[in-house]
Amino acid sequence: SIPASPASLATRTHKRTDVNADAYASAGAGVDGDPPPRRLILASHGRLMWFDVDTHKTEVIHEGRGVYYGVFPADARGDHVWVVSRPHNWRPKETHEALLLIDLRANRLVREVAIPSHFTHDAVRSGDAVFLANTGGGGVIELRLPDLTRVQHPRETTFTLKEHVNTLAPAGLPDRPHAVWALLHNLGPSKLVLADLATGERLREIQGVGNKAHGLVPWDGGFLILNSGEGQLCKFIPPREEEGPEARGELEVLWSDPSKTFMKGLTVVDHVAYFGIAEFGDRSTRDSSEKTADVAAFDLRSRTLLWRERVETRGLLNIVAAPHVAEWSTYR
């Protein structure tokens, strides 16, 4: 029940899908025949940004709308994206949360849609379905494109505030189209839950998925995660279902920061994991304009860290993604 990872960037860039798979290698036209940049999108507590993986140059896409979080494509060409916008979670003066439609060609806001979630974290798309991590409301909300109307289910899947659902990955189960994997930060020892939103059931609940974990990308028979509490990039292999509910999976450390820095934001493109690294700090300072983060690249085949670059994020880095490449850039 773990969806397979795409073979490589070459597979994506030479095969049309429901979103523009050429975009990672062609987002933004080249100048005077120069090859177009290969870029990721970063979402922080202060900015939505481009990040060039070759030159490490950045460009602000949008800012001034509080915390930017989950992001997914809005059209087949990858020219527009939807991104979560919400107030800073430290004693907010307002509670309005929305999805912002951003034109990536002009770096401008086109429109916004209010969302029925609170303290929203991740937002992912699978076909016409959009799933929101309703962290403050204790659940996952399903919306339907193109109007982003809420899908009403007979029973809601619920999580506690302590479980703190933060990252989602559509399960891709043909017989359960509303099923999602949900990573629960849990304010400590983290959990992975396979939830069917249609029935409200927790189909599987797996313990021991790192400490204060973020990120969830199915990879090579398991999941890549960020073991944020320990400053590690890890591969987690769940136990077989027949082993029973008490069985523990295997957590393999792929890379570890000796400083045990806080990690958040994870995507995989062409067998390279790109992820965010930040210093630990109080929640009250996460939107500080002085706060920066590092973006790192790790080759999953050679198991080597390729580079690590400081970025002026103007707040805690939340998401590293490539929605202009494919709708599944953070979960497949």
C-alpha atoms as a PDB file:
ATOM      1  CA  SER A   1       0.000   0.000   0.000  1.00  0.00           C
ATOM      2  CA  ILE A   2       3.034   2.282  -0.419  1.00  0.00           C
ATOM      3  CA  PRO A   3       2.972   4.042  -3.805  1.00  0.00           C
ATOM      4  CA  ALA A   4       6.063   3.597  -5.937  1.00  0.00           C
ATOM      5  CA  SER A   5       8.499   6.441  -6.503  1.00  0.00           C
ATOM      6  CA  PRO A   6       9.055   7.777 -10.048  1.00  0.00           C
ATOM      7  CA  ALA A   7      12.158   6.299 -11.619  1.00  0.00           C
ATOM      8  CA  SER A   8      13.990   9.533 -12.252  1.00  0.00           C
ATOM      9  CA  LEU A   9      13.737  13.108 -13.417  1.00  0.00           C
ATOM     10  CA  ALA A  10      14.326  11.834 -16.966  1.00  0.00           C
ATOM     11  CA  THR A  11      11.155   9.783 -16.674  1.00  0.00           C
ATOM     12  CA  ARG A  12       9.256  12.851 -15.568  1.00  0.00           C
ATOM     13  CA  THR A  13      10.675  15.163 -18.189  1.00  0.00           C
ATOM     14  CA  HIS A  14      10.021  12.895 -21.157  1.00  0.00           C
ATOM     15  CA  LYS A  15       6.551  11.683 -20.274  1.00  0.00           C
ATOM     16  CA  ARG A  16       3.555  13.976 -20.044  1.00  0.00           C
ATOM     17  CA  THR A  17       1.442  13.566 -16.941  1.00  0.00           C
ATOM     18  CA  ASP A  18      -1.517  15.469 -15.547  1.00  0.00           C
ATOM     19  CA  VAL A  19       0.861  18.290 -14.625  1.00  0.00           C
ATOM     20  CA  ASN A  20       3.815  19.651 -16.522  1.00  0.00           C
ATOM     21  CA  ALA A  21       6.674  17.254 -15.878  1.00  0.00           C
ATOM     22  CA  ASP A  22       9.039  19.396 -17.959  1.00  0.00           C
ATOM     23  CA  ALA A  23       8.828  22.256 -15.546  1.00  0.00           C
ATOM     24  CA  TYR A  24      11.655  21.359 -13.131  1.00  0.00           C
ATOM     25  CA  ALA A  25      14.065  21.551 -16.048  1.00  0.00           C
ATOM     26  CA  SER A  26      12.305  24.449 -17.749  1.00  0.00           C
ATOM     27  CA  ALA A  27      10.555  26.614 -15.131  1.00  0.00           C
ATOM     28  CA  GLY A  28      11.317  30.146 -16.220  1.00  0.00           C
ATOM     29  CA  ALA A  29      12.553  30.735 -19.746  1.00  0.00           C
ATOM     30  CA  GLY A  30      16.274  30.842 -20.370  1.00  0.00           C
ATOM     31  CA  VAL A  31      17.871  34.061 -21.601  1.00  0.00           C
ATOM     32  CA  ASP A  32      19.361  34.223 -25.117  1.00  0.00           C
ATOM     33  CA  GLY A  33      19.334  30.485 -25.542  1.00  0.00           C
ATOM     34  CA  ASP A  34      20.731  29.690 -22.097  1.00  0.00           C
ATOM     35  CA  PRO A  35      19.372  26.489 -20.574  1.00  0.00           C
ATOM     36  CA  PRO A  36      16.414  27.245 -18.290  1.00  0.00           C
ATOM     37  CA  PRO A  37      16.994  27.017 -14.542  1.00  0.00           C
ATOM     38  CA  ARG A  38      16.209  23.950 -12.453  1.00  0.00           C
ATOM     39  CA  ARG A  39      14.296  25.302  -9.493  1.00  0.00           C
ATOM     40  CA  LEU A  40      12.480  24.283  -6.349  1.00  0.00           C
ATOM     41  CA  ILE A  41       9.843  26.214  -4.441  1.00  0.00           C
ATOM     42  CA  LEU A  42      10.407  27.053  -0.768  1.00  0.00           C
ATOM     43  CA  ALA A  43       7.615  28.101   1.610  1.00  0.00           C
ATOM     44  CA  SER A  44       8.554  29.712   4.901  1.00  0.00           C
ATOM     45  CA  HIS A  45       7.024  31.694   7.749  1.00  0.00           C
ATOM     46  CA  GLY A  46       7.713  34.826   5.706  1.00  0.00           C
ATOM     47  CA  ARG A  47       8.084  34.051   2.003  1.00  0.00           C
ATOM     48  CA  LEU A  48       7.262  31.884  -0.985  1.00  0.00           C
ATOM     49  CA  MET A  49      10.475  31.584  -3.015  1.00  0.00           C
ATOM     50  CA  TRP A  50      12.231  30.067  -5.997  1.00  0.00           C
ATOM     51  CA  PHE A  51      15.506  28.267  -5.277  1.00  0.00           C
ATOM     52  CA  ASP A  52      17.842  27.322  -8.135  1.00  0.00           C
ATOM     53  CA  VAL A  53      19.489  23.973  -7.360  1.00  0.00           C
ATOM     54  CA  ASP A  54      22.497  24.696  -9.596  1.00  0.00           C
ATOM     55  CA  THR A  55      23.330  28.338  -8.859  1.00  0.00           C
ATOM     56  CA  HIS A  56      21.657  28.439  -5.407  1.00  0.00           C
ATOM     57  CA  LYS A  57      20.155  31.793  -6.337  1.00  0.00           C
ATOM     58  CA  THR A  58      16.751  32.706  -4.911  1.00  0.00           C
ATOM     59  CA  GLU A  59      13.833  34.834  -6.051  1.00  0.00           C
ATOM     60  CA  VAL A  60      10.857  35.920  -3.992  1.00  0.00           C
ATOM     61  CA  ILE A  61       7.554  34.766  -5.483  1.00  0.00           C
ATOM     62  CA  HIS A  62       5.273  36.236  -2.828  1.00  0.00           C
ATOM     63  CA  GLU A  63       5.475  37.636   0.697  1.00  0.00           C
ATOM     64  CA  GLY A  64       3.418  39.613   3.176  1.00  0.00           C
ATOM     65  CA  ARG A  65       0.706  37.032   3.829  1.00  0.00           C
ATOM     66  CA  GLY A  66       1.922  35.491   7.065  1.00  0.00           C
ATOM     67  CA  VAL A  67       2.990  31.847   7.088  1.00  0.00           C
ATOM     68  CA  TYR A  68       3.291  30.031   3.746  1.00  0.00           C
ATOM     69  CA  TYR A  69       2.932  26.247   3.909  1.00  0.00           C
ATOM     70  CA  GLY A  70       1.637  23.403   1.711  1.00  0.00           C
ATOM     71  CA  VAL A  71       1.766  24.068  -2.043  1.00  0.00           C
ATOM     72  CA  PHE A  72       0.376  22.189  -5.058  1.00  0.00           C
ATOM     73  CA  PRO A  73      -0.142  22.866  -8.799  1.00  0.00           C
ATOM     74  CA  ALA A  74      -3.288  24.566 -10.046  1.00  0.00           C
ATOM     75  CA  ASP A  75      -3.003  23.810 -13.768  1.00  0.00           C
ATOM     76  CA  ALA A  76      -1.583  21.270 -16.189  1.00  0.00           C
ATOM     77  CA  ARG A  77       1.289  23.502 -17.303  1.00  0.00           C
ATOM     78  CA  GLY A  78       2.560  24.213 -13.812  1.00  0.00           C
ATOM     79  CA  ASP A  79       2.209  27.969 -14.372  1.00  0.00           C
ATOM     80  CA  HIS A  80       0.023  28.481 -11.297  1.00  0.00           C
ATOM     81  CA  VAL A  81       0.153  27.028  -7.787  1.00  0.00           C
ATOM     82  CA  TRP A  82      -2.058  27.073  -4.731  1.00  0.00           C
ATOM     83  CA  VAL A  83      -0.280  27.705  -1.421  1.00  0.00           C
ATOM     84  CA  VAL A  84      -1.529  27.710   2.163  1.00  0.00           C
ATOM     85  CA  SER A  85      -1.450  31.118   3.864  1.00  0.00           C
ATOM     86  CA  ARG A  86      -2.205  31.538   7.556  1.00  0.00           C
ATOM     87  CA  PRO A  87      -1.342  33.837  10.450  1.00  0.00           C
ATOM     88  CA  HIS A  88       1.729  33.138  12.535  1.00  0.00           C
ATOM     89  CA  ASN A  89       0.680  30.545  15.109  1.00  0.00           C
ATOM     90  CA  TRP A  90       2.167  32.429  18.067  1.00  0.00           C
ATOM     91  CA  ARG A  91      -0.766  34.340  19.616  1.00  0.00           C
ATOM     92  CA  PRO A  92      -2.362  35.215  16.252  1.00  0.00           C
ATOM     93  CA  LYS A  93      -4.452  38.373  16.024  1.00  0.00           C
ATOM     94  CA  GLU A  94      -6.660  36.808  13.342  1.00  0.00           C
ATOM     95  CA  THR A  95      -7.744  33.319  12.332  1.00  0.00           C
ATOM     96  CA  HIS A  96      -8.314  33.744   8.579  1.00  0.00           C
ATOM     97  CA  GLU A  97      -6.620  30.958   6.632  1.00  0.00           C
ATOM     98  CA  ALA A  98      -6.680  30.626   2.859  1.00  0.00           C
ATOM     99  CA  LEU A  99      -5.294  29.027  -0.257  1.00  0.00           C
ATOM    100  CA  LEU A 100      -3.624  31.634  -2.446  1.00  0.00           C
ATOM    101  CA  LEU A 101      -3.527  31.154  -6.212  1.00  0.00           C
ATOM    102  CA  ILE A 102      -0.136  32.388  -7.426  1.00  0.00           C
ATOM    103  CA  ASP A 103       0.890  32.996 -11.038  1.00  0.00           C
ATOM    104  CA  LEU A 104       4.487  31.755 -11.198  1.00  0.00           C
ATOM    105  CA  ARG A 105       5.141  33.518 -14.502  1.00  0.00           C
ATOM    106  CA  ALA A 106       4.483  36.952 -12.988  1.00  0.00           C
ATOM    107  CA  ASN A 107       5.020  36.135  -9.299  1.00  0.00           C
ATOM    108  CA  ARG A 108       1.648  37.634  -8.387  1.00  0.00           C
ATOM    109  CA  LEU A 109      -1.466  36.754  -6.422  1.00  0.00           C
ATOM    110  CA  VAL A 110      -4.428  35.960  -8.676  1.00  0.00           C
ATOM    111  CA  ARG A 111      -7.095  35.130  -6.101  1.00  0.00           C
ATOM    112  CA  GLU A 112      -7.664  33.414  -2.784  1.00  0.00           C
ATOM    113  CA  VAL A 113     -10.114  30.950  -1.298  1.00  0.00           C
ATOM    114  CA  ALA A 114     -10.861  30.706   2.427  1.00  0.00           C
ATOM    115  CA  ILE A 115     -10.312  27.215   3.840  1.00  0.00           C
ATOM    116  CA  PRO A 116     -12.202  25.549   6.731  1.00  0.00           C
ATOM    117  CA  SER A 117      -9.088  24.541   8.644  1.00  0.00           C
ATOM    118  CA  HIS A 118      -7.070  25.937  11.515  1.00  0.00           C
ATOM    119  CA  PHE A 119      -3.293  26.021  11.981  1.00  0.00           C
ATOM    120  CA  THR A 120      -3.067  24.416   8.531  1.00  0.00           C
ATOM    121  CA  HIS A 121       0.164  22.650   7.667  1.00  0.00           C
ATOM    122  CA  ASP A 122       0.506  20.446   4.593  1.00  0.00           C
ATOM    123  CA  ALA A 123      -1.676  20.653   1.482  1.00  0.00           C
ATOM    124  CA  VAL A 124      -1.337  18.036  -1.273  1.00  0.00           C
ATOM    125  CA  ARG A 125      -3.127  17.243  -4.499  1.00  0.00           C
ATOM    126  CA  SER A 126      -4.007  13.909  -6.105  1.00  0.00           C
ATOM    127  CA  GLY A 127      -5.991  14.363  -9.300  1.00  0.00           C
ATOM    128  CA  ASP A 128      -9.029  16.477  -8.435  1.00  0.00           C
ATOM    129  CA  ALA A 129      -8.665  15.809  -4.711  1.00  0.00           C
ATOM    130  CA  VAL A 130      -6.871  18.162  -2.338  1.00  0.00           C
ATOM    131  CA  PHE A 131      -6.026  17.171   1.227  1.00  0.00           C
ATOM    132  CA  LEU A 132      -5.315  19.690   3.999  1.00  0.00           C
ATOM    133  CA  ALA A 133      -3.602  18.893   7.301  1.00  0.00           C
ATOM    134  CA  ASN A 134      -6.058  20.538   9.698  1.00  0.00           C
ATOM    135  CA  THR A 135      -3.520  20.511  12.514  1.00  0.00           C
ATOM    136  CA  GLY A 136      -5.394  22.844  14.852  1.00  0.00           C
ATOM    137  CA  GLY A 137      -8.734  21.175  14.151  1.00  0.00           C
ATOM    138  CA  GLY A 138      -7.388  17.660  14.593  1.00  0.00           C
ATOM    139  CA  GLY A 139      -7.992  16.012  11.238  1.00  0.00           C
ATOM    140  CA  VAL A 140      -7.596  15.992   7.480  1.00  0.00           C
ATOM    141  CA  ILE A 141      -9.945  17.971   5.225  1.00  0.00           C
ATOM    142  CA  GLU A 142     -10.637  16.918   1.653  1.00  0.00           C
ATOM    143  CA  LEU A 143     -11.464  19.518  -1.014  1.00  0.00           C
ATOM    144  CA  ARG A 144     -12.477  18.989  -4.616  1.00  0.00           C
ATOM    145  CA  LEU A 145     -11.103  20.883  -7.599  1.00  0.00           C
ATOM    146  CA  PRO A 146     -11.751  23.049  -9.524  1.00  0.00           C
ATOM    147  CA  ASP A 147     -13.839  24.997  -7.000  1.00  0.00           C
ATOM    148  CA  LEU A 148     -12.079  23.732  -3.850  1.00  0.00           C
ATOM    149  CA  THR A 149     -15.415  22.763  -2.328  1.00  0.00           C
ATOM    150  CA  ARG A 150     -15.292  20.615   0.797  1.00  0.00           C
ATOM    151  CA  VAL A 151     -16.015  16.904   0.473  1.00  0.00           C
ATOM    152  CA  GLN A 152     -18.357  15.842   3.262  1.00  0.00           C
ATOM    153  CA  HIS A 153     -17.774  12.374   4.694  1.00  0.00           C
ATOM    154  CA  PRO A 154     -20.159  10.499   7.019  1.00  0.00           C
ATOM    155  CA  ARG A 155     -17.485  10.212   9.706  1.00  0.00           C
ATOM    156  CA  GLU A 156     -14.432  12.386  10.146  1.00  0.00           C
ATOM    157  CA  THR A 157     -10.943  11.084  10.779  1.00  0.00           C
ATOM    158  CA  THR A 158      -9.766  12.753  13.964  1.00  0.00           C
ATOM    159  CA  PHE A 159      -6.383  13.351  15.532  1.00  0.00           C
ATOM    160  CA  THR A 160      -5.603  14.938  18.864  1.00  0.00           C
ATOM    161  CA  LEU A 161      -3.846  18.279  19.161  1.00  0.00           C
ATOM    162  CA  LYS A 162      -0.885  16.463  20.710  1.00  0.00           C
ATOM    163  CA  GLU A 163      -0.678  14.085  17.747  1.00  0.00           C
ATOM    164  CA  HIS A 164      -0.183  17.218  15.615  1.00  0.00           C
ATOM    165  CA  VAL A 165      -0.762  15.973  12.059  1.00  0.00           C
ATOM    166  CA  ASN A 166       1.752  17.795   9.864  1.00  0.00           C
ATOM    167  CA  THR A 167       2.529  15.912   6.627  1.00  0.00           C
ATOM    168  CA  LEU A 168       0.281  14.052   4.179  1.00  0.00           C
ATOM    169  CA  ALA A 169       0.754  11.568   1.336  1.00  0.00           C
ATOM    170  CA  PRO A 170      -2.237  10.274  -0.659  1.00  0.00           C
ATOM    171  CA  ALA A 171      -2.143   6.485  -0.419  1.00  0.00           C
ATOM    172  CA  GLY A 172      -3.070   5.772  -4.035  1.00  0.00           C
ATOM    173  CA  LEU A 173      -5.318   2.824  -3.168  1.00  0.00           C
ATOM    174  CA  PRO A 174      -7.832   2.136  -5.989  1.00  0.00           C
ATOM    175  CA  ASP A 175     -10.389   0.634  -3.604  1.00  0.00           C
ATOM    176  CA  ARG A 176      -9.963   3.483  -1.087  1.00  0.00           C
ATOM    177  CA  PRO A 177      -9.618   6.721  -3.079  1.00  0.00           C
ATOM    178  CA  HIS A 178      -9.970   8.873   0.050  1.00  0.00           C
ATOM    179  CA  ALA A 179      -7.142   7.177   1.962  1.00  0.00           C
ATOM    180  CA  VAL A 180      -4.087   9.177   3.011  1.00  0.00           C
ATOM    181  CA  TRP A 181      -0.942   8.541   4.970  1.00  0.00           C
ATOM    182  CA  ALA A 182      -0.628  11.088   7.772  1.00  0.00           C
ATOM    183  CA  LEU A 183       2.576  11.741   9.698  1.00  0.00           C
ATOM    184  CA  LEU A 184       1.872  12.681  13.300  1.00  0.00           C
ATOM    185  CA  HIS A 185       4.611  14.801  14.877  1.00  0.00           C
ATOM    186  CA  ASN A 186       3.169  13.832  18.286  1.00  0.00           C
ATOM    187  CA  LEU A 187       5.335  16.394  20.127  1.00  0.00           C
ATOM    188  CA  GLY A 188       7.885  13.614  20.562  1.00  0.00           C
ATOM    189  CA  PRO A 189       7.870   9.945  19.394  1.00  0.00           C
ATOM    190  CA  SER A 190       6.148  10.241  16.015  1.00  0.00           C
ATOM    191  CA  LYS A 191       3.536   8.010  14.384  1.00  0.00           C
ATOM    192  CA  LEU A 192       2.413   7.157  10.869  1.00  0.00           C
ATOM    193  CA  VAL A 193      -1.292   6.599  10.244  1.00  0.00           C
ATOM    194  CA  LEU A 194      -3.069   5.316   7.161  1.00  0.00           C
ATOM    195  CA  ALA A 195      -6.503   6.942   7.398  1.00  0.00           C
ATOM    196  CA  ASP A 196      -9.563   6.454   5.207  1.00  0.00           C
ATOM    197  CA  LEU A 197     -11.359   9.790   5.187  1.00  0.00           C
ATOM    198  CA  ALA A 198     -14.490   8.184   3.709  1.00  0.00           C
ATOM    199  CA  THR A 199     -15.053   6.013   6.783  1.00  0.00           C
ATOM    200  CA  GLY A 200     -13.055   7.843   9.466  1.00  0.00           C
ATOM    201  CA  GLU A 201     -11.029   4.682  10.097  1.00  0.00           C
ATOM    202  CA  ARG A 202      -7.379   4.432  11.019  1.00  0.00           C
ATOM    203  CA  LEU A 203      -6.502   1.501   8.779  1.00  0.00           C
ATOM    204  CA  ARG A 204      -2.973   1.324  10.153  1.00  0.00           C
ATOM    205  CA  GLU A 205      -1.171   3.086  12.990  1.00  0.00           C
ATOM    206  CA  ILE A 206       2.587   2.638  13.194  1.00  0.00           C
ATOM    207  CA  GLN A 207       4.721   3.767  16.128  1.00  0.00           C
ATOM    208  CA  GLY A 208       8.394   4.655  16.275  1.00  0.00           C
ATOM    209  CA  VAL A 209       8.641   6.905  13.196  1.00  0.00           C
ATOM    210  CA  GLY A 210      11.390   9.119  14.526  1.00  0.00           C
ATOM    211  CA  ASN A 211      11.140  12.009  16.963  1.00  0.00           C
ATOM    212  CA  LYS A 212       9.112  15.155  16.128  1.00  0.00           C
ATOM    213  CA  ALA A 213       9.199  14.016  12.513  1.00  0.00           C
ATOM    214  CA  HIS A 214       8.314  15.955   9.341  1.00  0.00           C
ATOM    215  CA  GLY A 215       8.264  15.087   5.643  1.00  0.00           C
ATOM    216  CA  LEU A 216       6.843  11.944   4.080  1.00  0.00           C
ATOM    217  CA  VAL A 217       8.028  10.738   0.665  1.00  0.00           C
ATOM    218  CA  PRO A 218       7.461   7.073  -0.296  1.00  0.00           C
ATOM    219  CA  TRP A 219      10.794   5.744  -1.490  1.00  0.00           C
ATOM    220  CA  ASP A 220      12.221   2.316  -2.302  1.00  0.00           C
ATOM    221  CA  GLY A 221       9.751   0.251  -0.273  1.00  0.00           C
ATOM    222  CA  GLY A 222       9.541   2.706   2.614  1.00  0.00           C
ATOM    223  CA  PHE A 223       9.264   6.405   3.398  1.00  0.00           C
ATOM    224  CA  LEU A 224      11.843   9.147   3.549  1.00  0.00           C
ATOM    225  CA  ILE A 225      11.276  11.334   6.599  1.00  0.00           C
ATOM    226  CA  LEU A 226      13.043  14.070   8.512  1.00  0.00           C
ATOM    227  CA  ASN A 227      13.731  12.944  12.062  1.00  0.00           C
ATOM    228  CA  SER A 228      13.568  16.570  13.145  1.00  0.00           C
ATOM    229  CA  GLY A 229      14.152  16.021  16.844  1.00  0.00           C
ATOM    230  CA  GLU A 230      17.492  14.346  16.091  1.00  0.00           C
ATOM    231  CA  GLY A 231      18.612  16.307  13.006  1.00  0.00           C
ATOM    232  CA  GLN A 232      18.487  13.321  10.651  1.00  0.00           C
ATOM    233  CA  LEU A 233      17.338  12.375   7.157  1.00  0.00           C
ATOM    234  CA  CYS A 234      15.979   8.851   7.482  1.00  0.00           C
ATOM    235  CA  LYS A 235      14.339   6.029   5.602  1.00  0.00           C
ATOM    236  CA  PHE A 236      11.506   4.344   7.486  1.00  0.00           C
ATOM    237  CA  ILE A 237      10.343   0.872   6.460  1.00  0.00           C
ATOM    238  CA  PRO A 238       6.944   0.045   8.012  1.00  0.00           C
ATOM    239  CA  PRO A 239       6.361  -3.434   9.398  1.00  0.00           C
ATOM    240  CA  ARG A 240       4.280  -5.820   7.310  1.00  0.00           C
ATOM    241  CA  GLU A 241       0.584  -5.555   8.087  1.00  0.00           C
ATOM    242  CA  GLU A 242       0.421  -9.234   9.038  1.00  0.00           C
ATOM    243  CA  GLU A 243       2.950  -8.591  11.818  1.00  0.00           C
ATOM    244  CA  GLY A 244       0.187  -6.954  13.839  1.00  0.00           C
ATOM    245  CA  PRO A 245      -0.524  -3.491  15.277  1.00  0.00           C
ATOM    246  CA  GLU A 246       2.284  -3.597  17.843  1.00  0.00           C
ATOM    247  CA  ALA A 247       5.049  -4.301  15.317  1.00  0.00           C
ATOM    248  CA  ARG A 248       7.707  -1.633  14.851  1.00  0.00           C
ATOM    249  CA  GLY A 249       9.279  -0.633  11.590  1.00  0.00           C
ATOM    250  CA  GLU A 250      12.927  -0.049  10.734  1.00  0.00           C
ATOM    251  CA  LEU A 251      14.376   3.472  10.916  1.00  0.00           C
ATOM    252  CA  GLU A 252      17.589   3.835   8.899  1.00  0.00           C
ATOM    253  CA  VAL A 253      19.634   7.024   9.261  1.00  0.00           C
ATOM    254  CA  LEU A 254      20.841   8.231   5.859  1.00  0.00           C
ATOM    255  CA  TRP A 255      22.452  11.465   7.000  1.00  0.00           C
ATOM    256  CA  SER A 256      22.846  13.154  10.346  1.00  0.00           C
ATOM    257  CA  ASP A 257      23.792  16.705  11.307  1.00  0.00           C
ATOM    258  CA  PRO A 258      26.210  16.611  14.257  1.00  0.00           C
ATOM    259  CA  SER A 259      24.537  19.763  15.574  1.00  0.00           C
ATOM    260  CA  LYS A 260      21.137  18.002  15.664  1.00  0.00           C
ATOM    261  CA  THR A 261      19.490  20.886  13.852  1.00  0.00           C
ATOM    262  CA  PHE A 262      15.741  21.106  13.242  1.00  0.00           C
ATOM    263  CA  MET A 263      14.687  19.776   9.823  1.00  0.00           C
ATOM    264  CA  LYS A 264      11.542  20.582   7.866  1.00  0.00           C
ATOM    265  CA  GLY A 265      10.567  20.479   4.177  1.00  0.00           C
ATOM    266  CA  LEU A 266      11.383  17.465   1.960  1.00  0.00           C
ATOM    267  CA  THR A 267      11.075  16.582  -1.723  1.00  0.00           C
ATOM    268  CA  VAL A 268      12.771  14.076  -4.022  1.00  0.00           C
ATOM    269  CA  VAL A 269      13.634  14.842  -7.659  1.00  0.00           C
ATOM    270  CA  ASP A 270      15.820  12.627  -9.840  1.00  0.00           C
ATOM    271  CA  HIS A 271      17.032  10.471  -6.938  1.00  0.00           C
ATOM    272  CA  VAL A 272      18.113  13.529  -4.941  1.00  0.00           C
ATOM    273  CA  ALA A 273      16.440  14.448  -1.657  1.00  0.00           C
ATOM    274  CA  TYR A 274      16.218  18.187  -1.048  1.00  0.00           C
ATOM    275  CA  PHE A 275      15.395  19.225   2.505  1.00  0.00           C
ATOM    276  CA  GLY A 276      15.389  22.151   4.893  1.00  0.00           C
ATOM    277  CA  ILE A 277      17.625  22.611   7.928  1.00  0.00           C
ATOM    278  CA  ALA A 278      17.099  25.286  10.575  1.00  0.00           C
ATOM    279  CA  GLU A 279      18.259  26.142  14.053  1.00  0.00           C
ATOM    280  CA  PHE A 280      16.002  25.200  16.945  1.00  0.00           C
ATOM    281  CA  GLY A 281      14.126  28.193  18.336  1.00  0.00           C
ATOM    282  CA  ASP A 282      11.031  29.303  20.189  1.00  0.00           C
ATOM    283  CA  ARG A 283       7.717  29.348  18.305  1.00  0.00           C
ATOM    284  CA  SER A 284       7.491  33.064  19.024  1.00  0.00           C
ATOM    285  CA  THR A 285      10.505  33.754  16.776  1.00  0.00           C
ATOM    286  CA  ARG A 286       9.598  31.559  13.810  1.00  0.00           C
ATOM    287  CA  ASP A 287       8.409  34.506  11.731  1.00  0.00           C
ATOM    288  CA  SER A 288      11.459  36.657  12.501  1.00  0.00           C
ATOM    289  CA  SER A 289      12.796  38.489   9.436  1.00  0.00           C
ATOM    290  CA  GLU A 290      16.267  37.645  10.738  1.00  0.00           C
ATOM    291  CA  LYS A 291      15.686  33.890  10.594  1.00  0.00           C
ATOM    292  CA  THR A 292      17.421  31.949   7.827  1.00  0.00           C
ATOM    293  CA  ALA A 293      17.514  28.284   6.871  1.00  0.00           C
ATOM    294  CA  ASP A 294      19.738  25.917   4.936  1.00  0.00           C
ATOM    295  CA  VAL A 295      18.655  23.834   1.958  1.00  0.00           C
ATOM    296  CA  ALA A 296      20.589  20.597   1.505  1.00  0.00           C
ATOM    297  CA  ALA A 297      20.808  18.051  -1.312  1.00  0.00           C
ATOM    298  CA  PHE A 298      21.434  14.355  -0.617  1.00  0.00           C
ATOM    299  CA  ASP A 299      22.096  11.795  -3.368  1.00  0.00           C
ATOM    300  CA  LEU A 300      19.998   8.749  -2.482  1.00  0.00           C
ATOM    301  CA  ARG A 301      21.984   6.403  -4.727  1.00  0.00           C
ATOM    302  CA  SER A 302      25.503   7.263  -3.587  1.00  0.00           C
ATOM    303  CA  ARG A 303      24.311   8.133  -0.050  1.00  0.00           C
ATOM    304  CA  THR A 304      26.293  11.368  -0.042  1.00  0.00           C
ATOM    305  CA  LEU A 305      25.505  14.956   0.884  1.00  0.00           C
ATOM    306  CA  LEU A 306      25.983  16.995  -2.302  1.00  0.00           C
ATOM    307  CA  TRP A 307      25.741  20.488  -0.856  1.00  0.00           C
ATOM    308  CA  ARG A 308      24.206  22.658   1.837  1.00  0.00           C
ATOM    309  CA  GLU A 309      23.333  26.310   1.208  1.00  0.00           C
ATOM    310  CA  ARG A 310      22.132  29.138   3.478  1.00  0.00           C
ATOM    311  CA  VAL A 311      18.932  30.859   2.271  1.00  0.00           C
ATOM    312  CA  GLU A 312      17.340  34.149   3.376  1.00  0.00           C
ATOM    313  CA  THR A 313      13.921  32.669   4.138  1.00  0.00           C
ATOM    314  CA  ARG A 314      12.836  35.443   6.550  1.00  0.00           C
ATOM    315  CA  GLY A 315      11.261  32.876   8.825  1.00  0.00           C
ATOM    316  CA  LEU A 316      11.235  29.151   9.546  1.00  0.00           C
ATOM    317  CA  LEU A 317      11.397  27.041   6.381  1.00  0.00           C
ATOM    318  CA  ASN A 318       8.279  24.831   6.168  1.00  0.00           C
ATOM    319  CA  ILE A 319       8.121  23.293   2.704  1.00  0.00           C
ATOM    320  CA  VAL A 320      10.597  22.276  -0.003  1.00  0.00           C
ATOM    321  CA  ALA A 321       8.663  21.246  -3.115  1.00  0.00           C
ATOM    322  CA  ALA A 322       8.460  21.174  -6.895  1.00  0.00           C
ATOM    323  CA  PRO A 323       4.752  21.575  -7.682  1.00  0.00           C
ATOM    324  CA  HIS A 324       5.636  22.897 -11.152  1.00  0.00           C
ATOM    325  CA  VAL A 325       7.213  19.480 -11.818  1.00  0.00           C
ATOM    326  CA  ALA A 326       4.379  17.256 -10.668  1.00  0.00           C
ATOM    327  CA  GLU A 327       1.502  17.290  -8.257  1.00  0.00           C
ATOM    328  CA  TRP A 328       3.196  14.576  -6.188  1.00  0.00           C
ATOM    329  CA  SER A 329       6.517  16.344  -5.655  1.00  0.00           C
ATOM    330  CA  THR A 330       6.356  16.016  -1.857  1.00  0.00           C
ATOM    331  CA  TYR A 331       4.782  12.588  -1.585  1.00  0.00           C
ATOM    332  CA  ARG A 332       5.977  10.214  -4.316  1.00  0.00           C
END
